[in-house]
N, C-alpha and C. Protein backbone atom coordinates (compact mmCIF):
# COMPACT_ATOMS: atom_id res chain seq x y z
N MET A 1 3.65 -14.77 74.67
CA MET A 1 2.70 -15.11 76.05
C MET A 1 2.74 -14.36 77.08
N LYS A 2 1.50 -13.33 77.11
CA LYS A 2 1.41 -12.75 78.27
C LYS A 2 1.45 -13.37 80.15
N HIS A 3 2.00 -13.21 80.80
CA HIS A 3 1.94 -13.38 81.84
C HIS A 3 2.46 -12.54 83.65
N LYS A 4 2.22 -13.04 84.73
CA LYS A 4 2.45 -12.19 85.14
C LYS A 4 3.45 -12.38 85.81
N ASN A 5 4.57 -11.75 86.75
CA ASN A 5 5.50 -12.43 87.51
C ASN A 5 5.29 -12.00 89.15
N PHE A 6 5.11 -13.18 89.63
CA PHE A 6 4.97 -12.90 90.90
C PHE A 6 5.84 -13.06 92.02
N PHE A 7 6.74 -12.11 92.98
CA PHE A 7 8.01 -12.30 93.32
C PHE A 7 7.97 -12.37 95.05
N TYR A 8 8.61 -13.02 95.37
CA TYR A 8 8.94 -13.02 97.09
C TYR A 8 10.38 -13.45 97.36
N GLU A 9 10.22 -13.29 98.79
CA GLU A 9 11.56 -13.80 99.03
C GLU A 9 11.61 -14.84 100.43
N TYR A 10 12.71 -15.78 100.15
CA TYR A 10 12.81 -17.07 100.95
C TYR A 10 11.68 -18.51 101.11
N ASP A 11 10.34 -18.29 100.55
CA ASP A 11 10.14 -19.26 100.62
C ASP A 11 7.96 -18.56 99.66
N LEU A 12 7.84 -19.60 99.12
CA LEU A 12 6.37 -19.55 98.52
C LEU A 12 5.48 -19.15 100.01
N PRO A 13 4.26 -18.21 99.27
CA PRO A 13 2.96 -17.88 100.64
C PRO A 13 2.49 -19.40 100.63
N LEU A 14 2.01 -19.96 101.76
CA LEU A 14 0.83 -20.90 101.70
C LEU A 14 -0.38 -21.02 100.61
N GLU A 15 -1.20 -20.64 100.47
CA GLU A 15 -2.04 -19.96 99.56
C GLU A 15 -1.30 -20.33 97.87
N ILE A 16 -0.33 -19.59 97.53
CA ILE A 16 0.21 -20.21 96.57
C ILE A 16 0.54 -21.96 96.58
N LEU A 17 1.24 -22.00 97.35
CA LEU A 17 1.84 -23.82 97.81
C LEU A 17 0.35 -24.64 97.56
N GLU A 18 -0.72 -24.46 98.11
CA GLU A 18 -2.01 -25.06 98.11
C GLU A 18 -2.43 -24.98 96.17
N GLN A 19 -2.21 -24.27 95.85
CA GLN A 19 -2.94 -23.69 94.75
C GLN A 19 -1.93 -24.15 93.54
N LEU A 20 -0.42 -24.20 93.59
CA LEU A 20 0.01 -24.95 92.53
C LEU A 20 0.65 -26.62 92.66
N GLN A 21 -0.16 -26.66 94.34
CA GLN A 21 -0.07 -28.33 94.32
C GLN A 21 -1.03 -29.18 93.62
N ASN A 22 -1.93 -28.63 93.40
CA ASN A 22 -3.03 -29.08 92.42
C ASN A 22 -2.69 -29.29 90.82
N LYS A 23 -1.63 -28.81 90.21
CA LYS A 23 -1.40 -28.89 88.82
C LYS A 23 -0.80 -30.03 89.02
N THR A 24 -0.98 -30.58 87.45
CA THR A 24 -0.34 -31.87 87.06
C THR A 24 1.12 -31.53 86.05
N HIS A 25 1.61 -30.13 86.34
CA HIS A 25 2.59 -30.02 85.74
C HIS A 25 3.03 -28.55 85.40
N LEU A 26 4.27 -28.70 86.25
CA LEU A 26 5.06 -27.26 86.48
C LEU A 26 6.62 -26.90 85.60
N GLY A 27 6.13 -25.73 85.07
CA GLY A 27 7.72 -25.12 84.80
C GLY A 27 8.76 -24.93 85.54
N ILE A 28 9.91 -25.59 85.63
CA ILE A 28 10.50 -25.05 86.97
C ILE A 28 12.57 -24.41 86.15
N ASP A 29 12.86 -23.14 86.79
CA ASP A 29 14.13 -23.06 86.28
C ASP A 29 14.65 -22.56 87.77
N THR A 30 16.02 -22.32 87.65
CA THR A 30 16.89 -22.00 88.42
C THR A 30 17.79 -20.56 88.32
N GLU A 31 17.81 -19.57 89.08
CA GLU A 31 19.13 -18.87 88.35
C GLU A 31 20.24 -19.12 89.72
N ALA A 32 21.70 -19.08 89.29
CA ALA A 32 22.61 -18.80 90.11
C ALA A 32 23.26 -17.83 90.24
N LEU A 33 25.07 -18.12 91.28
CA LEU A 33 25.87 -17.27 90.41
C LEU A 33 26.64 -17.89 89.77
N GLY A 34 26.65 -18.67 89.15
CA GLY A 34 27.75 -19.14 88.27
C GLY A 34 27.12 -21.25 87.69
N LEU A 35 27.71 -21.80 87.29
CA LEU A 35 27.53 -22.86 87.16
C LEU A 35 28.17 -24.08 87.71
N ASN A 36 28.65 -23.43 88.88
CA ASN A 36 29.53 -24.23 90.01
C ASN A 36 29.21 -24.97 90.91
N LEU A 37 28.32 -26.09 91.18
CA LEU A 37 27.50 -26.25 92.47
C LEU A 37 28.23 -26.42 93.65
N LYS A 38 29.03 -26.24 94.04
CA LYS A 38 29.68 -26.00 95.10
C LYS A 38 30.58 -24.58 95.29
N ARG A 39 30.67 -23.82 94.86
CA ARG A 39 31.12 -22.41 95.19
C ARG A 39 29.93 -21.59 94.16
N ASP A 40 29.24 -21.90 93.66
CA ASP A 40 28.26 -20.84 93.01
C ASP A 40 26.55 -21.10 93.31
N ARG A 41 26.37 -20.22 94.58
CA ARG A 41 24.94 -20.70 95.27
C ARG A 41 23.50 -20.48 94.87
N LEU A 42 22.61 -20.88 94.94
CA LEU A 42 20.93 -20.83 94.61
C LEU A 42 21.01 -19.50 94.57
N CYS A 43 20.40 -18.50 93.88
CA CYS A 43 20.00 -17.34 94.25
C CYS A 43 18.27 -16.92 93.93
N LEU A 44 17.63 -17.91 92.87
CA LEU A 44 16.48 -18.00 92.62
C LEU A 44 15.89 -18.69 91.95
N VAL A 45 14.45 -19.09 92.12
CA VAL A 45 13.95 -20.55 91.72
C VAL A 45 12.52 -19.65 91.18
N GLN A 46 12.55 -20.18 89.67
CA GLN A 46 11.29 -19.77 88.98
C GLN A 46 9.72 -21.12 88.68
N ILE A 47 8.75 -21.02 89.18
CA ILE A 47 8.30 -21.92 88.67
C ILE A 47 6.96 -21.00 88.00
N SER A 48 6.34 -22.40 87.25
CA SER A 48 5.67 -21.41 86.10
C SER A 48 4.32 -22.47 86.45
N ASP A 49 3.41 -22.34 86.37
CA ASP A 49 2.48 -23.08 85.86
C ASP A 49 1.48 -22.57 84.50
N PHE A 50 2.55 -21.99 83.98
CA PHE A 50 1.96 -21.47 82.52
C PHE A 50 1.12 -20.59 82.07
N HIS A 51 0.57 -20.25 83.43
CA HIS A 51 -0.24 -18.96 83.25
C HIS A 51 0.41 -17.49 83.57
N ASN A 52 1.19 -18.30 85.01
CA ASN A 52 1.91 -17.05 85.53
C ASN A 52 3.05 -17.58 86.20
N VAL A 53 4.22 -17.02 86.29
CA VAL A 53 5.38 -17.15 87.09
C VAL A 53 5.30 -16.83 88.55
N TYR A 54 5.73 -17.65 89.62
CA TYR A 54 6.32 -17.44 90.96
C TYR A 54 7.46 -17.44 91.13
N MET A 55 8.37 -17.26 91.73
CA MET A 55 9.87 -16.61 92.16
C MET A 55 9.76 -16.57 93.11
N VAL A 56 10.79 -17.14 93.88
CA VAL A 56 11.46 -17.34 95.28
C VAL A 56 13.22 -16.67 95.12
N HIS A 57 13.22 -15.76 95.93
CA HIS A 57 14.06 -15.32 95.49
C HIS A 57 15.33 -15.41 97.03
N PHE A 58 16.79 -15.71 96.92
CA PHE A 58 17.11 -16.13 98.35
C PHE A 58 18.48 -14.93 98.46
N PRO A 59 18.27 -13.74 98.66
CA PRO A 59 18.99 -12.34 98.30
C PRO A 59 20.18 -12.94 99.46
N LYS A 60 20.28 -13.80 100.18
CA LYS A 60 21.22 -14.09 101.59
C LYS A 60 21.40 -15.71 101.42
N PRO A 61 22.25 -16.10 101.39
CA PRO A 61 22.93 -17.55 101.52
C PRO A 61 21.79 -18.41 102.78
N ILE A 62 20.56 -18.61 103.05
CA ILE A 62 19.99 -18.32 103.81
C ILE A 62 18.51 -19.67 103.41
N TYR A 63 18.68 -20.95 103.12
CA TYR A 63 17.99 -21.93 102.82
C TYR A 63 17.17 -22.81 103.87
N ASN A 64 16.75 -22.14 105.18
CA ASN A 64 16.28 -22.97 106.10
C ASN A 64 15.05 -22.55 106.00
N LYS A 65 14.38 -21.26 105.52
CA LYS A 65 12.96 -20.83 105.33
C LYS A 65 11.88 -21.25 104.36
N CYS A 66 12.25 -22.17 104.01
CA CYS A 66 11.33 -22.54 102.66
C CYS A 66 10.71 -23.74 102.77
N PRO A 67 9.42 -23.78 103.64
CA PRO A 67 9.56 -25.33 103.65
C PRO A 67 8.29 -25.59 102.46
N ASN A 68 7.52 -24.65 102.45
CA ASN A 68 6.80 -24.26 101.35
C ASN A 68 7.09 -24.98 99.93
N LEU A 69 8.35 -24.07 99.97
CA LEU A 69 8.81 -24.18 98.44
C LEU A 69 9.47 -25.78 98.05
N ILE A 70 10.03 -26.29 99.18
CA ILE A 70 10.50 -27.56 99.29
C ILE A 70 9.14 -28.74 99.31
N LYS A 71 8.45 -28.51 99.78
CA LYS A 71 7.05 -29.28 99.65
C LYS A 71 6.74 -29.42 98.24
N LEU A 72 6.39 -28.29 97.88
CA LEU A 72 6.29 -28.26 96.36
C LEU A 72 6.70 -29.17 95.38
N LEU A 73 8.05 -28.82 95.68
CA LEU A 73 9.26 -29.35 94.47
C LEU A 73 9.64 -31.02 95.47
N ASN A 74 9.03 -31.66 96.20
CA ASN A 74 9.12 -32.58 96.53
C ASN A 74 7.76 -33.37 96.20
N ASN A 75 6.96 -32.75 95.57
CA ASN A 75 5.47 -33.66 95.18
C ASN A 75 5.92 -34.52 94.26
N LYS A 76 5.54 -35.73 94.30
CA LYS A 76 5.93 -36.60 93.38
C LYS A 76 5.29 -36.99 91.81
N LYS A 77 3.80 -36.38 92.46
CA LYS A 77 2.68 -36.26 91.53
C LYS A 77 2.78 -34.98 90.42
N ILE A 78 3.62 -34.24 90.77
CA ILE A 78 3.36 -33.46 89.65
C ILE A 78 4.63 -33.33 88.70
N GLU A 79 4.43 -33.00 87.28
CA GLU A 79 5.60 -33.72 86.34
C GLU A 79 6.44 -32.23 86.20
N LYS A 80 7.33 -32.36 86.63
CA LYS A 80 8.59 -30.83 86.62
C LYS A 80 9.28 -30.96 85.57
N ILE A 81 9.33 -29.72 84.35
CA ILE A 81 9.96 -29.34 83.46
C ILE A 81 10.93 -28.78 83.82
N PHE A 82 11.94 -28.82 82.88
CA PHE A 82 13.12 -28.66 83.08
C PHE A 82 13.71 -28.04 81.62
N HIS A 83 14.20 -27.07 81.62
CA HIS A 83 15.43 -26.94 80.31
C HIS A 83 16.97 -27.33 80.50
N PHE A 84 17.89 -28.19 81.03
CA PHE A 84 18.54 -28.91 81.22
C PHE A 84 19.08 -28.68 82.65
N ALA A 85 17.55 -29.57 83.05
CA ALA A 85 17.95 -30.70 84.70
C ALA A 85 18.91 -30.81 85.36
N ARG A 86 19.85 -30.70 84.41
CA ARG A 86 20.88 -31.61 85.78
C ARG A 86 21.23 -30.59 86.52
N PHE A 87 21.34 -29.38 85.82
CA PHE A 87 22.07 -27.89 86.47
C PHE A 87 21.09 -27.71 87.57
N ASP A 88 19.84 -27.68 87.21
CA ASP A 88 19.00 -26.98 87.87
C ASP A 88 18.58 -27.86 89.54
N VAL A 89 18.12 -29.65 88.76
CA VAL A 89 17.80 -30.67 89.76
C VAL A 89 18.99 -30.75 90.85
N GLY A 90 20.41 -29.86 90.69
CA GLY A 90 21.61 -30.31 90.86
C GLY A 90 21.52 -29.23 92.43
N ILE A 91 21.29 -28.19 91.45
CA ILE A 91 21.35 -26.84 92.31
C ILE A 91 20.53 -27.11 93.76
N LEU A 92 19.30 -27.28 93.13
CA LEU A 92 18.35 -27.37 94.47
C LEU A 92 18.27 -28.58 95.27
N TYR A 93 19.35 -29.97 94.73
CA TYR A 93 19.77 -30.77 95.43
C TYR A 93 20.88 -30.47 96.30
N ALA A 94 21.42 -29.67 95.87
CA ALA A 94 22.59 -29.19 96.65
C ALA A 94 22.53 -28.17 97.88
N TYR A 95 21.62 -27.14 97.70
CA TYR A 95 21.18 -26.16 98.27
C TYR A 95 19.60 -26.16 99.19
N LEU A 96 18.74 -27.01 98.94
CA LEU A 96 17.67 -27.03 99.62
C LEU A 96 17.49 -28.58 99.59
N GLY A 97 18.15 -29.78 99.32
CA GLY A 97 17.84 -30.81 100.27
C GLY A 97 16.76 -31.67 99.03
N VAL A 98 16.46 -31.33 98.17
CA VAL A 98 15.60 -31.74 97.56
C VAL A 98 16.23 -32.51 95.89
N ILE A 99 15.76 -33.63 95.81
CA ILE A 99 15.94 -34.42 94.79
C ILE A 99 14.85 -34.90 94.11
N CYS A 100 14.54 -33.88 92.49
CA CYS A 100 12.98 -33.52 92.31
C CYS A 100 12.61 -35.13 91.24
N LYS A 101 11.72 -35.36 91.58
CA LYS A 101 10.86 -36.54 91.06
C LYS A 101 9.95 -36.32 89.79
N ASN A 102 10.24 -37.10 88.59
CA ASN A 102 8.93 -36.83 87.80
C ASN A 102 9.34 -35.76 86.81
N ILE A 103 10.84 -35.84 86.52
CA ILE A 103 11.26 -34.95 85.24
C ILE A 103 11.38 -34.69 84.51
N VAL A 104 11.06 -33.29 83.61
CA VAL A 104 10.90 -33.96 81.81
C VAL A 104 12.48 -32.60 82.03
N CYS A 105 13.12 -32.48 80.42
CA CYS A 105 14.39 -32.11 80.28
C CYS A 105 14.32 -31.59 78.74
N THR A 106 13.69 -30.83 78.66
CA THR A 106 13.70 -30.18 76.90
C THR A 106 15.26 -30.28 76.44
N LYS A 107 15.87 -30.10 77.05
CA LYS A 107 17.24 -30.27 76.81
C LYS A 107 18.12 -31.37 76.16
N ILE A 108 17.39 -32.61 76.95
CA ILE A 108 17.63 -33.98 76.56
C ILE A 108 16.65 -34.44 75.23
N MET A 109 15.63 -33.53 75.56
CA MET A 109 14.47 -34.00 74.49
C MET A 109 15.16 -33.01 72.75
N SER A 110 15.89 -32.63 72.86
CA SER A 110 16.11 -31.46 71.72
C SER A 110 17.18 -32.22 71.33
N LYS A 111 18.22 -32.51 72.05
CA LYS A 111 18.97 -33.93 71.94
C LYS A 111 18.76 -35.13 70.93
N ILE A 112 17.90 -35.32 71.88
CA ILE A 112 17.77 -36.79 70.83
C ILE A 112 16.48 -36.92 69.53
N SER A 113 15.56 -35.64 69.98
CA SER A 113 15.08 -35.11 68.45
C SER A 113 15.80 -34.96 67.86
N ARG A 114 16.53 -33.71 67.96
CA ARG A 114 16.91 -32.66 66.83
C ARG A 114 18.25 -32.83 66.58
N THR A 115 18.59 -34.41 66.18
CA THR A 115 20.03 -34.49 65.84
C THR A 115 20.54 -34.00 64.71
N TYR A 116 20.00 -33.06 63.85
CA TYR A 116 20.43 -32.68 62.82
C TYR A 116 20.87 -31.03 63.27
N THR A 117 21.30 -30.86 64.27
CA THR A 117 22.05 -29.50 65.14
C THR A 117 22.59 -29.72 66.07
N GLU A 118 23.60 -28.77 66.52
CA GLU A 118 24.13 -28.67 67.72
C GLU A 118 23.77 -27.88 69.07
N ARG A 119 22.58 -27.31 68.20
CA ARG A 119 22.06 -25.94 68.98
C ARG A 119 20.93 -26.29 69.52
N HIS A 120 20.81 -26.55 70.91
CA HIS A 120 19.77 -26.85 71.48
C HIS A 120 19.59 -26.02 72.82
N GLY A 121 20.44 -25.23 72.58
CA GLY A 121 20.02 -23.92 74.05
C GLY A 121 18.44 -23.27 73.96
N LEU A 122 17.55 -23.06 75.35
CA LEU A 122 16.72 -22.78 75.33
C LEU A 122 16.19 -21.46 74.55
N LYS A 123 16.99 -20.67 74.13
CA LYS A 123 16.80 -19.13 73.15
C LYS A 123 16.72 -19.96 71.32
N GLU A 124 17.20 -20.51 70.96
CA GLU A 124 16.96 -21.53 69.48
C GLU A 124 15.63 -22.19 69.61
N LEU A 125 15.46 -23.36 70.63
CA LEU A 125 14.75 -24.01 70.38
C LEU A 125 12.79 -23.10 71.02
N CYS A 126 13.08 -22.00 71.68
CA CYS A 126 11.98 -20.88 71.16
C CYS A 126 11.94 -20.44 70.04
N SER A 127 12.89 -20.04 68.96
CA SER A 127 13.18 -19.46 68.43
C SER A 127 12.10 -20.32 66.75
N LYS A 128 12.84 -21.29 66.94
CA LYS A 128 12.91 -22.65 65.98
C LYS A 128 10.98 -22.95 65.99
N LEU A 129 11.24 -23.55 67.43
CA LEU A 129 10.25 -24.12 67.43
C LEU A 129 8.81 -23.77 67.76
N LEU A 130 8.80 -22.40 68.13
CA LEU A 130 7.66 -21.89 68.80
C LEU A 130 7.72 -20.18 68.14
N GLN A 131 8.41 -20.04 67.62
CA GLN A 131 8.69 -18.73 66.80
C GLN A 131 8.73 -17.34 68.02
N VAL A 132 9.02 -17.43 69.55
CA VAL A 132 9.65 -16.86 70.15
C VAL A 132 10.73 -16.11 70.41
N GLU A 133 10.99 -14.89 70.59
CA GLU A 133 12.58 -14.67 70.87
C GLU A 133 12.72 -14.07 72.15
N LEU A 134 13.62 -14.94 72.29
CA LEU A 134 13.88 -14.59 74.09
C LEU A 134 15.23 -13.66 74.26
N ASN A 135 15.14 -12.47 74.94
CA ASN A 135 16.30 -12.14 75.12
C ASN A 135 17.08 -12.69 76.68
N LYS A 136 18.06 -12.82 75.88
CA LYS A 136 19.08 -13.40 77.00
C LYS A 136 20.24 -12.73 77.60
N GLY A 137 20.16 -11.47 77.16
CA GLY A 137 21.26 -10.91 77.77
C GLY A 137 21.06 -10.33 79.55
N ASN A 138 20.93 -10.72 80.02
CA ASN A 138 20.39 -10.82 81.74
C ASN A 138 20.79 -12.12 82.07
N GLY A 139 20.98 -12.95 81.31
CA GLY A 139 21.89 -14.13 81.43
C GLY A 139 22.43 -14.42 82.79
N CYS A 140 24.13 -13.29 82.05
CA CYS A 140 25.06 -12.86 82.60
C CYS A 140 24.86 -12.24 83.86
N SER A 141 24.03 -11.62 84.92
CA SER A 141 24.06 -10.80 85.92
C SER A 141 24.05 -11.43 87.23
N TYR A 142 24.16 -10.57 88.22
CA TYR A 142 24.06 -10.85 89.34
C TYR A 142 22.54 -10.75 89.93
N TRP A 143 22.78 -12.45 90.53
CA TRP A 143 21.29 -12.58 91.20
C TRP A 143 21.33 -12.63 92.61
N GLY A 144 22.41 -12.37 93.18
CA GLY A 144 22.30 -12.21 94.61
C GLY A 144 21.75 -11.29 95.14
N GLY A 145 21.70 -10.17 94.98
CA GLY A 145 21.43 -8.89 95.53
C GLY A 145 19.72 -8.58 94.87
N ALA A 146 19.54 -7.26 95.14
CA ALA A 146 18.29 -6.73 94.51
C ALA A 146 18.21 -6.78 93.46
N LEU A 147 16.85 -7.79 92.62
CA LEU A 147 16.98 -7.50 91.22
C LEU A 147 16.22 -6.35 90.67
N ASP A 148 16.41 -5.95 89.24
CA ASP A 148 15.74 -4.98 89.23
C ASP A 148 14.51 -6.00 88.17
N GLU A 149 13.99 -4.86 87.30
CA GLU A 149 12.90 -5.15 86.59
C GLU A 149 13.30 -6.23 85.47
N ALA A 150 14.26 -5.85 84.79
CA ALA A 150 14.69 -6.19 83.40
C ALA A 150 14.92 -8.23 83.94
N GLN A 151 15.60 -7.91 85.16
CA GLN A 151 16.36 -9.63 85.18
C GLN A 151 14.97 -10.52 85.80
N ILE A 152 13.92 -9.56 86.11
CA ILE A 152 12.74 -10.58 86.78
C ILE A 152 12.04 -10.62 85.33
N LYS A 153 11.46 -10.00 84.34
CA LYS A 153 11.50 -10.60 83.02
C LYS A 153 12.08 -11.98 82.54
N TYR A 154 13.23 -11.48 82.07
CA TYR A 154 13.84 -12.71 81.80
C TYR A 154 13.88 -14.23 82.82
N ALA A 155 13.82 -13.66 84.04
CA ALA A 155 13.80 -15.01 84.76
C ALA A 155 12.06 -15.45 84.57
N GLY A 156 11.20 -15.13 83.99
CA GLY A 156 9.68 -15.64 83.97
C GLY A 156 9.80 -16.34 82.35
N ASP A 157 10.32 -14.94 81.57
CA ASP A 157 10.63 -15.49 80.50
C ASP A 157 11.20 -17.26 79.65
N ASP A 158 12.16 -17.27 80.40
CA ASP A 158 13.23 -18.11 80.84
C ASP A 158 12.27 -20.05 81.06
N VAL A 159 11.05 -19.72 81.72
CA VAL A 159 9.93 -20.72 82.26
C VAL A 159 8.94 -20.55 81.47
N ILE A 160 8.45 -19.78 81.19
CA ILE A 160 7.14 -19.60 80.66
C ILE A 160 6.68 -20.57 79.60
N HIS A 161 7.53 -20.88 78.99
CA HIS A 161 7.80 -21.25 77.59
C HIS A 161 7.65 -23.21 77.81
N LEU A 162 8.28 -23.46 78.60
CA LEU A 162 8.89 -25.01 78.94
C LEU A 162 7.56 -25.94 78.31
N LEU A 163 6.76 -25.97 79.06
CA LEU A 163 5.19 -26.75 78.41
C LEU A 163 4.82 -26.88 76.83
N ASP A 164 5.35 -25.41 76.40
CA ASP A 164 5.16 -25.54 75.11
C ASP A 164 6.43 -26.21 73.77
N LEU A 165 7.17 -26.03 74.34
CA LEU A 165 8.49 -26.69 73.73
C LEU A 165 8.57 -28.13 74.54
N LYS A 166 7.72 -28.54 75.68
CA LYS A 166 8.21 -30.27 76.05
C LYS A 166 6.79 -30.51 74.80
N ASN A 167 5.87 -30.60 74.90
CA ASN A 167 5.14 -30.54 73.62
C ASN A 167 5.47 -31.31 72.51
N LYS A 168 6.04 -30.36 71.87
CA LYS A 168 6.47 -29.69 70.65
C LYS A 168 7.65 -30.92 70.17
N LEU A 169 8.28 -30.99 71.50
CA LEU A 169 9.59 -31.89 71.42
C LEU A 169 9.06 -33.15 71.28
N MET A 170 8.03 -33.49 72.07
CA MET A 170 7.30 -35.00 72.60
C MET A 170 6.58 -35.70 71.07
N GLU A 171 6.13 -34.50 70.56
CA GLU A 171 5.73 -34.83 69.29
C GLU A 171 6.86 -35.37 67.89
N MET A 172 7.71 -35.00 68.35
CA MET A 172 8.50 -34.83 67.08
C MET A 172 9.37 -36.08 67.84
N LEU A 173 9.46 -36.42 68.74
CA LEU A 173 10.30 -38.11 69.69
C LEU A 173 9.49 -39.12 69.25
N LYS A 174 8.23 -38.95 69.75
CA LYS A 174 7.18 -39.87 69.31
C LYS A 174 7.06 -39.72 67.73
N ASN A 175 7.18 -39.31 66.61
CA ASN A 175 6.97 -39.17 65.34
C ASN A 175 8.66 -40.43 65.16
N GLU A 176 9.39 -40.20 65.57
CA GLU A 176 10.85 -40.78 65.12
C GLU A 176 11.41 -41.53 65.83
N ASP A 177 10.15 -42.54 67.40
CA ASP A 177 10.44 -43.65 68.00
C ASP A 177 11.48 -43.71 68.66
N ARG A 178 11.33 -41.87 69.10
CA ARG A 178 12.53 -42.05 70.06
C ARG A 178 12.16 -41.83 71.89
N TRP A 179 10.69 -41.42 71.81
CA TRP A 179 10.23 -41.15 73.35
C TRP A 179 10.67 -41.99 74.23
N ASP A 180 10.60 -43.34 74.29
CA ASP A 180 11.02 -44.10 75.38
C ASP A 180 12.61 -43.85 75.66
N LEU A 181 13.59 -43.92 75.03
CA LEU A 181 14.66 -43.00 74.94
C LEU A 181 14.84 -41.79 75.75
N ALA A 182 13.78 -40.92 75.77
CA ALA A 182 13.76 -39.48 76.34
C ALA A 182 13.43 -39.98 77.57
N VAL A 183 12.47 -40.60 78.06
CA VAL A 183 12.17 -41.09 79.45
C VAL A 183 12.86 -41.97 80.11
N LEU A 184 13.50 -43.07 79.59
CA LEU A 184 14.68 -43.51 80.08
C LEU A 184 15.70 -42.49 80.96
N SER A 185 16.26 -41.53 79.72
CA SER A 185 17.25 -40.42 80.49
C SER A 185 16.97 -39.49 81.20
N PHE A 186 15.34 -39.10 81.60
CA PHE A 186 15.11 -38.60 82.88
C PHE A 186 15.41 -38.74 83.64
N GLY A 187 15.26 -40.77 83.91
CA GLY A 187 15.13 -41.32 84.82
C GLY A 187 16.57 -41.15 85.82
N ILE A 188 17.88 -41.18 85.15
CA ILE A 188 19.09 -41.42 85.77
C ILE A 188 19.48 -40.41 86.08
N ILE A 189 18.56 -38.76 85.54
CA ILE A 189 19.32 -37.51 86.15
C ILE A 189 19.31 -37.28 87.64
N PRO A 190 18.29 -37.98 88.21
CA PRO A 190 18.62 -37.86 89.88
C PRO A 190 19.64 -39.03 90.07
N MET A 191 20.11 -39.98 89.50
CA MET A 191 21.82 -40.59 89.60
C MET A 191 22.84 -39.21 89.63
N VAL A 192 22.83 -38.74 88.13
CA VAL A 192 23.91 -38.18 87.57
C VAL A 192 23.88 -36.72 88.82
N VAL A 193 22.96 -35.79 89.29
CA VAL A 193 23.26 -34.97 90.29
C VAL A 193 23.72 -35.07 91.07
N THR A 194 23.24 -36.70 92.17
CA THR A 194 23.33 -36.71 93.11
C THR A 194 25.45 -36.96 93.46
N CYS A 195 25.85 -37.60 92.16
CA CYS A 195 27.46 -37.53 91.46
C CYS A 195 28.02 -36.74 91.63
N ASP A 196 27.68 -35.72 91.02
CA ASP A 196 27.43 -34.24 90.89
C ASP A 196 27.63 -33.71 92.42
N VAL A 197 26.92 -33.17 92.66
CA VAL A 197 26.82 -32.56 94.39
C VAL A 197 27.70 -33.38 95.27
N LEU A 198 28.40 -34.86 95.16
CA LEU A 198 28.77 -35.40 95.90
C LEU A 198 30.27 -35.45 95.36
N GLY A 199 30.64 -34.97 94.38
CA GLY A 199 32.17 -34.88 93.92
C GLY A 199 32.47 -36.06 92.92
N TYR A 200 31.56 -36.82 92.29
CA TYR A 200 31.93 -37.97 91.58
C TYR A 200 31.60 -38.13 90.06
N ASP A 201 32.31 -38.25 89.19
CA ASP A 201 32.30 -38.53 87.66
C ASP A 201 31.07 -39.90 88.04
N PRO A 202 29.69 -39.55 87.00
CA PRO A 202 29.18 -40.23 87.05
C PRO A 202 29.96 -41.63 85.68
N MET A 203 29.89 -41.18 85.17
CA MET A 203 30.73 -41.59 83.79
C MET A 203 31.60 -42.75 84.62
N THR A 204 32.42 -42.66 85.36
CA THR A 204 33.48 -43.39 86.46
C THR A 204 32.92 -44.47 87.00
N ILE A 205 31.45 -44.47 87.49
CA ILE A 205 30.79 -45.30 88.35
C ILE A 205 30.50 -47.11 87.67
N ILE A 206 29.70 -46.08 85.99
CA ILE A 206 28.85 -47.33 85.67
C ILE A 206 30.32 -48.02 84.54
N ASN A 207 31.21 -47.32 84.52
CA ASN A 207 32.97 -47.68 83.50
C ASN A 207 33.31 -48.93 83.60
N HIS A 208 33.65 -49.80 83.62
CA HIS A 208 34.54 -51.04 83.48
C HIS A 208 35.66 -50.35 84.42
N HIS A 209 36.45 -49.57 84.03
CA HIS A 209 37.63 -49.15 84.65
C HIS A 209 36.89 -47.78 84.98
């Protein structure tokens, strides 16, 4: 899929916000310094309308200059498609104070539908379901400073296919009468990520002991 990557620092321009606010669904991904929400800061937010990708980079840990990005993420009317939403929604909450609503997670969808495998990564899903080969070589790189062309391409490729994946997985889930379970699973993500950010284990809250 050919698309253009648009790159901004600290916030989306107003005209891009107005354009994206009218979409029914968006793909969203993030890049950070690591996977620890308290230690590893948010560096990049990628937003796809499935034609192009709009990226907001935070080269320094300054998160109070992005009202347009926050307004878009807070829009409950837009379906937001993630892969491994627990991390992305969590880091957006930790650093931007936003808990996204109207969430779909392709990793959850894969785990519920593709019970014949333990491989649910984005690269695997794109390969098996879309016949698209992703180059994940730049995933483990430094996202806090100036980004090169390879990093920007990687970041765009990570989010542009999410709608196609969602549609493929939803077809499988509905065929096996598992879609309702997926929807219930999406609904608990805000609670789980709130626990993650506040330092609680969500399982200890619902367990008897």
